[in-house]
């Protein structure tokens, strides 16, 4: 049998518990933890939970984005970026002084890089060709 990834385990847990509540949910979670112990996966529980949270957020239509900029952005700029991604947006802001200026926005499957550092590197490549 092939090894299951943390994402596959989290997906299975989500599907098994999606419509459960109360004692049924408690029982399912107890069996899940017992299964993780049996498969010697308890050390991976943090990663499995992180994957579970991603799946649950995606199901609810919540988009997680990471905004990286050279300096702390003002709230108007952050709000404009959030609005571009829809109503249900969860933002993580990071300051990376190596960017020089501009922003880099990462979603689960895309990177929108408008940083000055990247633009200068692209210009450098064009000039060297």
N, C-alpha and C. Protein backbone atom coordinates (compact mmCIF):
# COMPACT_ATOMS: atom_id res chain seq x y z
N UNK A 1 0.83 -1.17 0.00
CA UNK A 1 0.00 0.00 0.00
C UNK A 1 0.89 1.25 0.00
N UNK A 2 0.53 2.23 -0.81
CA UNK A 2 1.30 3.46 -0.92
C UNK A 2 1.20 4.28 0.36
N UNK A 3 2.25 5.03 0.63
CA UNK A 3 2.27 5.89 1.80
C UNK A 3 1.34 7.08 1.57
N UNK A 4 0.58 7.42 2.58
CA UNK A 4 -0.32 8.57 2.50
C UNK A 4 0.40 9.85 2.89
N UNK A 5 0.13 10.91 2.16
CA UNK A 5 0.70 12.21 2.51
C UNK A 5 -0.14 12.85 3.60
N UNK A 6 0.43 13.86 4.25
CA UNK A 6 -0.32 14.59 5.27
C UNK A 6 -1.57 15.23 4.67
N UNK A 7 -1.46 15.70 3.45
CA UNK A 7 -2.61 16.32 2.78
C UNK A 7 -3.71 15.29 2.54
N UNK A 8 -3.35 14.08 2.13
CA UNK A 8 -4.34 13.03 1.91
C UNK A 8 -5.02 12.62 3.22
N UNK A 9 -4.23 12.55 4.29
CA UNK A 9 -4.78 12.20 5.60
C UNK A 9 -5.75 13.29 6.05
N UNK A 10 -5.35 14.54 5.88
CA UNK A 10 -6.21 15.67 6.27
C UNK A 10 -7.50 15.68 5.46
N UNK A 11 -7.40 15.39 4.17
CA UNK A 11 -8.58 15.35 3.31
C UNK A 11 -9.54 14.25 3.78
N UNK A 12 -9.00 13.10 4.11
CA UNK A 12 -9.83 11.99 4.60
C UNK A 12 -10.51 12.37 5.92
N UNK A 13 -9.76 13.01 6.81
CA UNK A 13 -10.33 13.44 8.09
C UNK A 13 -11.44 14.46 7.86
N UNK A 14 -11.21 15.40 6.96
CA UNK A 14 -12.22 16.42 6.68
C UNK A 14 -13.50 15.78 6.16
N UNK A 15 -13.36 14.88 5.20
CA UNK A 15 -14.54 14.23 4.62
C UNK A 15 -15.27 13.37 5.65
N UNK A 16 -14.52 12.74 6.54
CA UNK A 16 -15.14 11.86 7.54
C UNK A 16 -15.84 12.64 8.65
N UNK A 17 -15.40 13.87 8.90
CA UNK A 17 -15.96 14.62 10.02
C UNK A 17 -16.81 15.83 9.61
N UNK A 18 -16.90 16.08 8.34
CA UNK A 18 -17.55 17.30 7.85
C UNK A 18 -18.96 17.51 8.39
N UNK A 19 -19.74 16.47 8.47
CA UNK A 19 -21.13 16.61 8.90
C UNK A 19 -21.38 16.10 10.32
N UNK A 20 -20.30 15.83 11.05
CA UNK A 20 -20.45 15.31 12.41
C UNK A 20 -20.42 16.42 13.44
N UNK A 21 -21.02 16.15 14.59
CA UNK A 21 -20.95 17.08 15.72
C UNK A 21 -21.11 16.29 17.01
N UNK A 22 -20.83 16.94 18.13
CA UNK A 22 -21.03 16.33 19.44
C UNK A 22 -20.26 15.04 19.65
N UNK A 23 -20.94 14.05 20.20
CA UNK A 23 -20.31 12.76 20.54
C UNK A 23 -19.81 12.04 19.29
N UNK A 24 -20.53 12.18 18.18
CA UNK A 24 -20.09 11.53 16.94
C UNK A 24 -18.73 12.09 16.49
N UNK A 25 -18.60 13.40 16.57
CA UNK A 25 -17.33 14.04 16.19
C UNK A 25 -16.22 13.63 17.15
N UNK A 26 -16.51 13.63 18.44
CA UNK A 26 -15.52 13.21 19.44
C UNK A 26 -15.03 11.79 19.17
N UNK A 27 -15.96 10.89 18.88
CA UNK A 27 -15.60 9.50 18.60
C UNK A 27 -14.74 9.37 17.35
N UNK A 28 -15.12 10.10 16.31
CA UNK A 28 -14.35 10.05 15.06
C UNK A 28 -12.94 10.58 15.28
N UNK A 29 -12.81 11.66 16.04
CA UNK A 29 -11.48 12.22 16.30
C UNK A 29 -10.64 11.29 17.16
N UNK A 30 -11.29 10.61 18.11
CA UNK A 30 -10.55 9.65 18.95
C UNK A 30 -10.03 8.50 18.08
N UNK A 31 -10.87 7.98 17.20
CA UNK A 31 -10.43 6.90 16.30
C UNK A 31 -9.33 7.38 15.36
N UNK A 32 -9.42 8.63 14.94
CA UNK A 32 -8.40 9.20 14.06
C UNK A 32 -7.05 9.26 14.78
N UNK A 33 -7.05 9.73 16.02
CA UNK A 33 -5.80 9.81 16.79
C UNK A 33 -5.24 8.42 17.03
N UNK A 34 -6.10 7.46 17.32
CA UNK A 34 -5.64 6.07 17.50
C UNK A 34 -5.02 5.53 16.22
N UNK A 35 -5.61 5.86 15.09
CA UNK A 35 -5.07 5.44 13.79
C UNK A 35 -3.71 6.08 13.54
N UNK A 36 -3.57 7.37 13.86
CA UNK A 36 -2.28 8.05 13.71
C UNK A 36 -1.22 7.39 14.58
N UNK A 37 -1.60 7.02 15.81
CA UNK A 37 -0.64 6.36 16.70
C UNK A 37 -0.24 5.01 16.14
N UNK A 38 -1.21 4.27 15.65
CA UNK A 38 -0.94 2.94 15.09
C UNK A 38 -0.01 3.04 13.87
N UNK A 39 -0.20 4.06 13.05
CA UNK A 39 0.61 4.25 11.84
C UNK A 39 1.88 5.06 12.10
N UNK A 40 2.14 5.35 13.39
CA UNK A 40 3.31 6.11 13.82
C UNK A 40 3.39 7.47 13.10
N UNK A 41 2.25 8.16 13.08
CA UNK A 41 2.15 9.46 12.42
C UNK A 41 1.88 10.59 13.41
N UNK A 42 1.92 10.32 14.71
CA UNK A 42 1.61 11.36 15.69
C UNK A 42 2.57 12.54 15.61
N UNK A 43 3.81 12.31 15.20
CA UNK A 43 4.77 13.41 15.05
C UNK A 43 4.36 14.36 13.93
N UNK A 44 3.52 13.88 13.03
CA UNK A 44 3.08 14.69 11.89
C UNK A 44 1.77 15.41 12.14
N UNK A 45 1.22 15.29 13.35
CA UNK A 45 -0.12 15.82 13.61
C UNK A 45 -0.20 17.33 13.37
N UNK A 46 0.84 18.08 13.68
CA UNK A 46 0.84 19.52 13.44
C UNK A 46 0.69 19.85 11.96
N UNK A 47 1.42 19.12 11.12
CA UNK A 47 1.33 19.32 9.67
C UNK A 47 -0.02 18.87 9.13
N UNK A 48 -0.55 17.79 9.68
CA UNK A 48 -1.86 17.29 9.25
C UNK A 48 -2.94 18.31 9.60
N UNK A 49 -2.86 18.88 10.78
CA UNK A 49 -3.83 19.90 11.19
C UNK A 49 -3.74 21.13 10.29
N UNK A 50 -2.52 21.54 9.95
CA UNK A 50 -2.35 22.69 9.06
C UNK A 50 -3.00 22.41 7.70
N UNK A 51 -2.83 21.20 7.18
CA UNK A 51 -3.46 20.84 5.91
C UNK A 51 -4.98 20.80 6.05
N UNK A 52 -5.46 20.28 7.18
CA UNK A 52 -6.90 20.23 7.45
C UNK A 52 -7.49 21.64 7.44
N UNK A 53 -6.79 22.58 8.09
CA UNK A 53 -7.27 23.96 8.13
C UNK A 53 -7.34 24.57 6.74
N UNK A 54 -6.34 24.28 5.89
CA UNK A 54 -6.35 24.78 4.51
C UNK A 54 -7.57 24.25 3.76
N UNK A 55 -7.84 22.97 3.94
CA UNK A 55 -8.98 22.34 3.26
C UNK A 55 -10.29 22.96 3.74
N UNK A 56 -10.44 23.13 5.05
CA UNK A 56 -11.66 23.71 5.61
C UNK A 56 -11.86 25.15 5.14
N UNK A 57 -10.80 25.93 5.11
CA UNK A 57 -10.90 27.32 4.65
C UNK A 57 -11.28 27.37 3.17
N UNK A 58 -10.68 26.51 2.39
CA UNK A 58 -11.00 26.48 0.96
C UNK A 58 -12.47 26.12 0.75
N UNK A 59 -12.97 25.16 1.52
CA UNK A 59 -14.36 24.74 1.43
C UNK A 59 -15.31 25.90 1.76
N UNK A 60 -14.91 26.75 2.71
CA UNK A 60 -15.73 27.90 3.10
C UNK A 60 -15.50 29.12 2.22
N UNK A 61 -14.62 29.00 1.23
CA UNK A 61 -14.37 30.11 0.32
C UNK A 61 -13.42 31.16 0.86
N UNK A 62 -12.67 30.82 1.89
CA UNK A 62 -11.71 31.76 2.47
C UNK A 62 -10.39 31.65 1.71
N UNK A 63 -9.90 32.80 1.24
CA UNK A 63 -8.64 32.86 0.51
C UNK A 63 -7.57 33.37 1.46
N UNK A 64 -6.47 32.64 1.56
CA UNK A 64 -5.34 33.07 2.38
C UNK A 64 -4.29 33.68 1.48
N UNK A 65 -3.86 34.90 1.82
CA UNK A 65 -2.79 35.54 1.06
C UNK A 65 -1.70 36.01 2.00
N UNK A 66 -0.50 36.05 1.47
CA UNK A 66 0.64 36.56 2.22
C UNK A 66 1.17 37.76 1.44
N UNK A 67 1.20 38.91 2.10
CA UNK A 67 1.70 40.13 1.47
C UNK A 67 3.07 40.43 2.06
N UNK A 68 4.06 40.46 1.17
CA UNK A 68 5.42 40.75 1.61
C UNK A 68 5.82 42.10 1.01
N UNK A 69 6.33 42.98 1.85
CA UNK A 69 6.74 44.30 1.39
C UNK A 69 8.01 44.73 2.12
N UNK A 70 8.67 45.76 1.57
CA UNK A 70 9.91 46.24 2.17
C UNK A 70 9.64 46.97 3.49
N UNK A 71 8.47 47.58 3.58
CA UNK A 71 8.07 48.29 4.79
C UNK A 71 6.62 47.97 5.12
N UNK A 72 6.21 48.25 6.33
CA UNK A 72 4.83 48.03 6.75
C UNK A 72 3.91 48.86 5.86
N UNK A 73 2.88 48.19 5.30
CA UNK A 73 1.93 48.87 4.43
C UNK A 73 0.87 49.58 5.26
N UNK A 74 0.34 50.69 4.72
CA UNK A 74 -0.74 51.37 5.44
C UNK A 74 -2.03 50.57 5.22
N UNK A 75 -3.01 50.82 6.06
CA UNK A 75 -4.24 50.02 6.03
C UNK A 75 -5.01 50.17 4.72
N UNK A 76 -4.95 51.35 4.08
CA UNK A 76 -5.64 51.54 2.80
C UNK A 76 -5.08 50.61 1.72
N UNK A 77 -3.75 50.50 1.69
CA UNK A 77 -3.11 49.63 0.70
C UNK A 77 -3.46 48.18 0.97
N UNK A 78 -3.38 47.78 2.23
CA UNK A 78 -3.72 46.41 2.60
C UNK A 78 -5.18 46.10 2.26
N UNK A 79 -6.08 47.02 2.57
CA UNK A 79 -7.50 46.83 2.26
C UNK A 79 -7.74 46.72 0.76
N UNK A 80 -7.04 47.52 -0.04
CA UNK A 80 -7.18 47.44 -1.50
C UNK A 80 -6.75 46.08 -2.03
N UNK A 81 -5.66 45.57 -1.49
CA UNK A 81 -5.18 44.25 -1.92
C UNK A 81 -6.19 43.18 -1.51
N UNK A 82 -6.68 43.26 -0.27
CA UNK A 82 -7.68 42.29 0.21
C UNK A 82 -8.92 42.31 -0.68
N UNK A 83 -9.41 43.49 -1.01
CA UNK A 83 -10.62 43.62 -1.83
C UNK A 83 -10.45 43.01 -3.22
N UNK A 84 -9.23 43.02 -3.73
CA UNK A 84 -8.97 42.43 -5.04
C UNK A 84 -9.14 40.91 -5.03
N UNK A 85 -9.06 40.30 -3.85
CA UNK A 85 -9.17 38.85 -3.73
C UNK A 85 -10.54 38.38 -3.27
N UNK A 86 -11.47 39.31 -3.01
CA UNK A 86 -12.82 38.92 -2.64
C UNK A 86 -13.19 39.28 -1.22
N UNK A 87 -14.33 38.72 -0.78
CA UNK A 87 -14.89 39.06 0.53
C UNK A 87 -14.21 38.33 1.69
N UNK A 88 -13.92 37.07 1.49
CA UNK A 88 -13.38 36.24 2.58
C UNK A 88 -11.88 36.06 2.37
N UNK A 89 -11.11 36.99 2.92
CA UNK A 89 -9.67 36.98 2.74
C UNK A 89 -8.98 37.00 4.09
N UNK A 90 -8.02 36.11 4.25
CA UNK A 90 -7.20 36.06 5.46
C UNK A 90 -5.80 36.50 5.05
N UNK A 91 -5.31 37.57 5.68
CA UNK A 91 -4.04 38.18 5.26
C UNK A 91 -2.96 37.96 6.32
N UNK A 92 -1.78 37.62 5.82
CA UNK A 92 -0.57 37.61 6.64
C UNK A 92 0.36 38.63 6.01
N UNK A 93 0.81 39.58 6.81
CA UNK A 93 1.72 40.61 6.31
C UNK A 93 3.13 40.35 6.83
N UNK A 94 4.10 40.42 5.92
CA UNK A 94 5.49 40.24 6.29
C UNK A 94 6.30 41.42 5.77
N UNK A 95 7.28 41.85 6.53
CA UNK A 95 8.20 42.90 6.09
C UNK A 95 9.52 42.23 5.74
N UNK A 96 9.98 42.47 4.50
CA UNK A 96 11.24 41.92 4.02
C UNK A 96 12.03 43.06 3.40
N UNK A 97 12.95 43.60 4.15
CA UNK A 97 13.70 44.78 3.69
C UNK A 97 14.56 44.51 2.46
N UNK A 98 14.82 43.25 2.16
CA UNK A 98 15.62 42.93 0.97
C UNK A 98 14.86 43.19 -0.33
N UNK A 99 13.53 43.41 -0.25
CA UNK A 99 12.74 43.69 -1.45
C UNK A 99 13.01 45.08 -2.02
N UNK A 100 13.55 45.98 -1.25
CA UNK A 100 13.84 47.37 -1.63
C UNK A 100 12.58 48.22 -1.74
N UNK A 101 11.55 47.71 -2.36
CA UNK A 101 10.29 48.43 -2.53
C UNK A 101 9.28 47.51 -3.21
N UNK A 102 8.04 47.97 -3.34
CA UNK A 102 7.00 47.16 -3.98
C UNK A 102 6.50 46.07 -3.06
N UNK A 103 5.70 45.17 -3.64
CA UNK A 103 5.13 44.07 -2.85
C UNK A 103 5.19 42.77 -3.63
N UNK A 104 5.11 41.69 -2.87
CA UNK A 104 4.98 40.35 -3.41
C UNK A 104 3.79 39.73 -2.70
N UNK A 105 2.86 39.19 -3.49
CA UNK A 105 1.65 38.59 -2.91
C UNK A 105 1.62 37.12 -3.28
N UNK A 106 1.46 36.29 -2.26
CA UNK A 106 1.43 34.84 -2.48
C UNK A 106 0.07 34.30 -2.05
N UNK A 107 -0.56 33.54 -2.95
CA UNK A 107 -1.75 32.80 -2.60
C UNK A 107 -1.34 31.34 -2.55
N UNK A 108 -2.29 30.45 -2.38
CA UNK A 108 -1.94 29.03 -2.30
C UNK A 108 -1.27 28.53 -3.58
N UNK A 109 -1.69 29.06 -4.72
CA UNK A 109 -1.17 28.53 -5.98
C UNK A 109 -0.54 29.57 -6.90
N UNK A 110 -0.41 30.82 -6.46
CA UNK A 110 0.16 31.87 -7.31
C UNK A 110 1.05 32.80 -6.51
N UNK A 111 2.03 33.38 -7.21
CA UNK A 111 2.85 34.43 -6.63
C UNK A 111 2.79 35.61 -7.59
N UNK A 112 2.33 36.74 -7.08
CA UNK A 112 2.29 37.98 -7.86
C UNK A 112 3.42 38.85 -7.33
N UNK A 113 4.51 38.92 -8.07
CA UNK A 113 5.71 39.59 -7.57
C UNK A 113 5.90 40.94 -8.24
N UNK A 114 5.54 42.00 -7.52
CA UNK A 114 5.74 43.35 -8.01
C UNK A 114 6.81 44.06 -7.21
N UNK A 115 7.74 43.29 -6.67
CA UNK A 115 8.79 43.89 -5.86
C UNK A 115 9.84 44.55 -6.75
N UNK A 116 10.43 45.60 -6.23
CA UNK A 116 11.46 46.32 -6.95
C UNK A 116 12.66 45.42 -7.22
N UNK A 117 12.99 44.57 -6.29
CA UNK A 117 14.11 43.65 -6.44
C UNK A 117 13.91 42.75 -7.66
N UNK A 118 12.71 42.19 -7.81
CA UNK A 118 12.41 41.33 -8.96
C UNK A 118 12.43 42.12 -10.26
N UNK A 119 11.87 43.31 -10.24
CA UNK A 119 11.85 44.14 -11.45
C UNK A 119 13.27 44.50 -11.89
N UNK A 120 14.15 44.81 -10.93
CA UNK A 120 15.55 45.11 -11.26
C UNK A 120 16.27 43.88 -11.80
N UNK A 121 15.98 42.70 -11.22
CA UNK A 121 16.60 41.47 -11.72
C UNK A 121 16.15 41.17 -13.14
N UNK A 122 14.86 41.40 -13.46
CA UNK A 122 14.36 41.19 -14.82
C UNK A 122 15.03 42.14 -15.79
N UNK A 123 15.18 43.40 -15.40
CA UNK A 123 15.85 44.38 -16.24
C UNK A 123 17.29 43.99 -16.48
N UNK A 124 17.96 43.53 -15.44
CA UNK A 124 19.36 43.09 -15.54
C UNK A 124 19.48 41.94 -16.56
N UNK A 125 18.54 40.99 -16.51
CA UNK A 125 18.57 39.87 -17.45
C UNK A 125 18.36 40.35 -18.88
N UNK A 126 17.43 41.27 -19.08
CA UNK A 126 17.16 41.79 -20.42
C UNK A 126 18.37 42.52 -20.98
N UNK A 127 19.04 43.29 -20.13
CA UNK A 127 20.19 44.06 -20.57
C UNK A 127 21.41 43.18 -20.87
N UNK A 128 21.48 42.03 -20.20
CA UNK A 128 22.65 41.14 -20.41
C UNK A 128 22.47 40.24 -21.63
N UNK A 129 21.27 40.21 -22.23
CA UNK A 129 21.03 39.36 -23.42
C UNK A 129 21.31 40.09 -24.69
